[in-house]
Amino acid sequence: MQTGNTYDFRVEPQDVDFTLHATVTSMCNAILNTAGVDAQRNGLGVDALSRKNRSWVLSRLAVEFDRLPEQYTPYSIRTWVNDDGRLVSLRNFMLTDGDGNVFGRVASQWCMIDFERRTPVDLREIADVYLPLMSEEPSPCDRPRKVRAAEPQCTFEHRVVYSDIDFNRHVNTMRYIDMMFDMLPIETFAEPRPLRLDVQFIKESRYGQTLTVGLERQGDISLFEIRSDDGVAVCRASVEWR
């Protein structure tokens, strides 16, 4: 039995690249927006949590696309939540086109953090609202994997500027993905292919820092690692082209 809530979208011109298919970043943006809207709908949005000095932070993300939809294509995202322990919330997503065909599957892990201490908060604190949302429906794909450190074959530096940061004044999730995909030659995207993307968020980056983005390529697998100006890894990712 299907659980959760479903939200409708359409691929707009600003969501596509030169192939006229949606970019991975635009699809991931819709996925994370769905998470935010659904959390708010259930009384657990960042607006409600901020009044208690709390917020949601994405720690790991796994995305599988069989294909990327073309411009103006309508699609839907269904989302539901699984119990994953006291400190981690597992939120799932299923993406379907207008004919009901599944083309994307997502599993994501979130922590609720204390704004001041920047430490995870026990989810039992919100048990009265959170636990009724739990579903027995399993994740539609393998859970996010731990990504190993890359051995970069090439790197570039990026200074964190105004357009990179979110409401927390930290680098926006989508900007990390953009930085990493910008390392790849444009020919990589000329023919849209099925893929799996795993992203592991390790540490927050702030305005003014200089990040070093590294790429290691092994056939159809691309490994990325982003380090801050103190040499500490802040984000790692793996893309497997299928």
Protein backbone atom coordinates (compact mmCIF):
# COMPACT_ATOMS: atom_id res chain seq x y z
CA MET A 1 0.00 0.00 0.00
CA GLN A 2 1.30 3.43 -0.93
CA THR A 3 1.89 5.86 1.92
CA GLY A 4 2.90 9.48 2.35
CA ASN A 5 1.87 12.51 0.31
CA THR A 6 2.21 13.32 -3.39
CA TYR A 7 3.14 16.69 -4.94
CA ASP A 8 2.89 17.71 -8.60
CA PHE A 9 5.55 19.47 -10.67
CA ARG A 10 6.45 20.35 -14.25
CA VAL A 11 9.88 20.66 -15.85
CA GLU A 12 10.20 24.35 -16.63
CA PRO A 13 12.69 25.96 -19.06
CA GLN A 14 14.95 27.07 -16.20
CA ASP A 15 15.22 23.41 -15.10
CA VAL A 16 16.82 22.03 -18.29
CA ASP A 17 20.27 22.04 -19.88
CA PHE A 18 21.32 22.10 -23.54
CA THR A 19 19.75 18.64 -24.09
CA LEU A 20 16.34 20.06 -23.06
CA HIS A 21 16.19 17.47 -20.28
CA ALA A 22 15.99 18.39 -16.59
CA THR A 23 19.34 18.69 -14.87
CA VAL A 24 20.17 16.50 -11.89
CA THR A 25 20.43 19.65 -9.79
CA SER A 26 16.94 20.89 -10.70
CA MET A 27 15.43 17.48 -9.94
CA CYS A 28 17.24 17.28 -6.61
CA ASN A 29 16.04 20.78 -5.83
CA ALA A 30 12.43 19.70 -6.41
CA ILE A 31 13.02 16.65 -4.20
CA LEU A 32 14.36 18.70 -1.30
CA ASN A 33 11.61 21.28 -1.72
CA THR A 34 9.13 18.42 -1.43
CA ALA A 35 10.76 17.38 1.83
CA GLY A 36 10.38 20.90 3.18
CA VAL A 37 6.77 21.31 2.09
CA ASP A 38 5.79 17.91 3.47
CA ALA A 39 7.52 18.56 6.79
CA GLN A 40 5.73 21.89 7.11
CA ARG A 41 2.41 20.24 6.21
CA ASN A 42 2.93 17.86 9.12
CA GLY A 43 3.94 20.51 11.63
CA LEU A 44 7.68 19.81 11.42
CA GLY A 45 8.83 22.51 9.02
CA VAL A 46 11.82 24.71 9.67
CA ASP A 47 9.45 27.52 10.67
CA ALA A 48 8.03 25.45 13.53
CA LEU A 49 11.39 24.00 14.58
CA SER A 50 13.16 27.37 14.54
CA ARG A 51 10.89 28.57 17.34
CA LYS A 52 12.55 25.90 19.48
CA ASN A 53 16.02 26.68 18.15
CA ARG A 54 15.98 23.55 15.99
CA SER A 55 16.36 22.80 12.28
CA TRP A 56 16.67 19.90 9.83
CA VAL A 57 20.06 19.14 8.25
CA LEU A 58 20.55 16.73 5.35
CA SER A 59 23.38 14.30 6.12
CA ARG A 60 23.25 11.80 3.24
CA LEU A 61 21.40 11.55 -0.06
CA ALA A 62 20.99 8.71 -2.57
CA VAL A 63 19.29 9.44 -5.90
CA GLU A 64 18.60 7.05 -8.76
CA PHE A 65 17.29 8.28 -12.12
CA ASP A 66 16.35 5.89 -14.91
CA ARG A 67 16.02 8.97 -17.11
CA LEU A 68 15.68 12.71 -16.79
CA PRO A 69 12.36 14.19 -17.98
CA GLU A 70 12.18 16.61 -20.90
CA GLN A 71 11.14 20.24 -20.79
CA TYR A 72 7.46 20.83 -19.93
CA THR A 73 6.99 17.24 -18.73
CA PRO A 74 4.61 16.96 -15.77
CA TYR A 75 5.73 14.69 -12.96
CA SER A 76 4.89 13.85 -9.36
CA ILE A 77 6.97 13.24 -6.25
CA ARG A 78 5.61 11.03 -3.48
CA THR A 79 7.38 11.15 -0.12
CA TRP A 80 7.17 9.15 3.10
CA VAL A 81 9.23 8.69 6.27
CA ASN A 82 10.72 5.61 7.96
CA ASP A 83 11.93 5.23 11.53
CA ASP A 84 15.74 5.12 11.49
CA GLY A 85 16.67 5.49 15.13
CA ARG A 86 16.79 8.29 17.67
CA LEU A 87 19.06 10.65 15.71
CA VAL A 88 18.28 10.03 12.03
CA SER A 89 15.10 10.42 10.01
CA LEU A 90 14.92 8.44 6.75
CA ARG A 91 12.82 10.26 4.15
CA ASN A 92 12.02 8.52 0.87
CA PHE A 93 10.80 9.74 -2.51
CA MET A 94 9.35 8.17 -5.65
CA LEU A 95 9.18 10.14 -8.90
CA THR A 96 6.62 9.29 -11.60
CA ASP A 97 5.76 10.86 -14.94
CA GLY A 98 2.30 11.89 -16.13
CA ASP A 99 1.55 8.30 -17.23
CA GLY A 100 2.40 6.90 -13.81
CA ASN A 101 5.77 5.44 -14.84
CA VAL A 102 8.46 5.54 -12.15
CA PHE A 103 11.68 7.20 -13.30
CA GLY A 104 13.35 8.19 -10.02
CA ARG A 105 13.90 6.81 -6.53
CA VAL A 106 15.45 8.58 -3.55
CA ALA A 107 16.46 7.80 0.03
CA SER A 108 17.72 10.59 2.28
CA GLN A 109 18.92 10.81 5.86
CA TRP A 110 18.23 13.87 8.01
CA CYS A 111 19.21 15.02 11.48
CA MET A 112 17.47 17.56 13.66
CA ILE A 113 20.09 19.87 15.13
CA ASP A 114 20.34 22.41 17.90
CA PHE A 115 21.07 25.75 16.20
CA GLU A 116 23.42 27.04 18.88
CA ARG A 117 25.34 23.86 19.66
CA ARG A 118 25.25 22.53 16.08
CA THR A 119 24.72 19.05 17.50
CA PRO A 120 22.06 16.39 16.71
CA VAL A 121 18.91 16.34 18.82
CA ASP A 122 17.09 13.19 19.94
CA LEU A 123 13.98 12.81 17.73
CA ARG A 124 12.02 11.61 20.74
CA GLU A 125 11.80 15.30 21.59
CA ILE A 126 9.14 15.62 18.85
CA ALA A 127 7.70 12.10 19.22
CA ASP A 128 4.10 13.28 19.51
CA VAL A 129 4.21 14.76 15.99
CA TYR A 130 6.97 12.68 14.41
CA LEU A 131 6.06 9.10 15.30
CA PRO A 132 2.55 9.16 13.75
CA LEU A 133 4.20 9.90 10.39
CA MET A 134 6.25 6.69 10.37
CA SER A 135 5.54 4.31 7.49
CA GLU A 136 6.29 0.61 7.10
CA GLU A 137 6.79 1.05 3.35
CA PRO A 138 10.51 0.43 2.63
CA SER A 139 12.85 2.74 0.80
CA PRO A 140 12.54 2.49 -3.01
CA CYS A 141 16.32 2.19 -3.46
CA ASP A 142 19.41 1.27 -1.45
CA ARG A 143 20.11 3.62 1.43
CA PRO A 144 22.77 6.31 0.99
CA ARG A 145 26.25 4.83 0.93
CA LYS A 146 29.32 6.05 2.72
CA VAL A 147 31.53 7.60 0.05
CA ARG A 148 35.25 6.94 0.30
CA ALA A 149 37.81 9.72 0.07
CA ALA A 150 38.71 10.57 -3.51
CA GLU A 151 42.22 10.61 -4.92
CA PRO A 152 41.81 13.65 -7.16
CA GLN A 153 43.13 13.60 -10.70
CA CYS A 154 42.19 17.26 -11.08
CA THR A 155 41.00 20.07 -8.79
CA PHE A 156 39.70 23.60 -8.87
CA GLU A 157 39.08 26.26 -6.24
CA HIS A 158 35.80 28.01 -5.52
CA ARG A 159 35.30 30.94 -3.17
CA VAL A 160 31.95 30.80 -1.37
CA VAL A 161 29.93 33.86 -2.40
CA TYR A 162 26.46 35.27 -1.73
CA SER A 163 24.70 33.11 -4.34
CA ASP A 164 26.10 29.92 -2.75
CA ILE A 165 24.58 30.30 0.70
CA ASP A 166 21.20 29.38 2.18
CA PHE A 167 19.15 30.82 5.05
CA ASN A 168 21.66 29.34 7.52
CA ARG A 169 24.49 31.21 5.73
CA HIS A 170 25.96 27.85 4.80
CA VAL A 171 26.59 26.50 1.29
CA ASN A 172 23.33 25.31 -0.27
CA THR A 173 23.10 21.58 -1.00
CA MET A 174 22.50 22.15 -4.71
CA ARG A 175 25.60 24.32 -5.01
CA TYR A 176 27.77 21.40 -3.88
CA ILE A 177 26.29 19.25 -6.65
CA ASP A 178 26.77 22.04 -9.20
CA MET A 179 30.42 22.47 -8.20
CA MET A 180 31.07 18.75 -8.59
CA PHE A 181 29.22 18.32 -11.89
CA ASP A 182 31.03 21.39 -13.29
CA MET A 183 34.24 19.36 -13.00
CA LEU A 184 33.03 16.94 -15.68
CA PRO A 185 33.47 17.53 -19.43
CA ILE A 186 30.29 18.67 -21.14
CA GLU A 187 30.28 15.54 -23.29
CA THR A 188 29.32 13.62 -20.12
CA PHE A 189 25.87 15.19 -20.31
CA ALA A 190 25.32 15.12 -24.09
CA GLU A 191 23.41 11.83 -23.91
CA PRO A 192 21.31 11.57 -20.73
CA ARG A 193 21.94 8.20 -19.06
CA PRO A 194 20.61 6.40 -15.98
CA LEU A 195 22.65 7.22 -12.89
CA ARG A 196 22.97 6.84 -9.16
CA LEU A 197 24.23 9.74 -7.09
CA ASP A 198 25.35 9.36 -3.47
CA VAL A 199 26.21 12.50 -1.51
CA GLN A 200 27.65 12.57 2.00
CA PHE A 201 27.59 15.91 3.80
CA ILE A 202 30.34 16.01 6.41
CA LYS A 203 30.76 19.60 7.56
CA GLU A 204 29.16 22.94 6.83
CA SER A 205 30.88 25.54 4.64
CA ARG A 206 30.43 29.26 5.19
CA TYR A 207 30.50 32.48 3.25
CA GLY A 208 34.03 33.65 2.37
CA GLN A 209 35.72 30.25 2.58
CA THR A 210 37.70 28.91 -0.37
CA LEU A 211 36.75 25.35 -1.27
CA THR A 212 38.83 22.90 -3.27
CA VAL A 213 36.83 20.51 -5.45
CA GLY A 214 38.58 17.28 -6.46
CA LEU A 215 37.58 14.69 -9.06
CA GLU A 216 38.66 11.07 -9.46
CA ARG A 217 37.30 9.17 -12.47
CA GLN A 218 37.20 5.40 -12.76
CA GLY A 219 35.36 4.39 -15.92
CA ASP A 220 31.66 5.09 -15.39
CA ILE A 221 32.16 6.11 -11.76
CA SER A 222 33.11 9.64 -10.75
CA LEU A 223 34.23 10.34 -7.18
CA PHE A 224 34.24 13.87 -5.78
CA GLU A 225 35.59 15.44 -2.63
CA ILE A 226 35.22 19.06 -1.54
CA ARG A 227 37.63 20.39 1.08
CA SER A 228 37.55 23.66 3.00
CA ASP A 229 40.48 26.06 3.16
CA ASP A 230 41.72 24.30 6.30
CA GLY A 231 42.01 21.03 4.35
CA VAL A 232 39.03 19.32 5.99
CA ALA A 233 36.57 17.38 3.80
CA VAL A 234 33.13 18.99 3.85
CA CYS A 235 31.35 16.88 1.21
CA ARG A 236 31.94 13.69 -0.76
CA ALA A 237 29.95 12.23 -3.61
CA SER A 238 29.89 9.33 -6.03
CA VAL A 239 28.14 9.25 -9.41
CA GLU A 240 27.67 5.94 -11.17
CA TRP A 241 26.57 6.24 -14.79
CA ARG A 242 24.58 3.20 -15.82
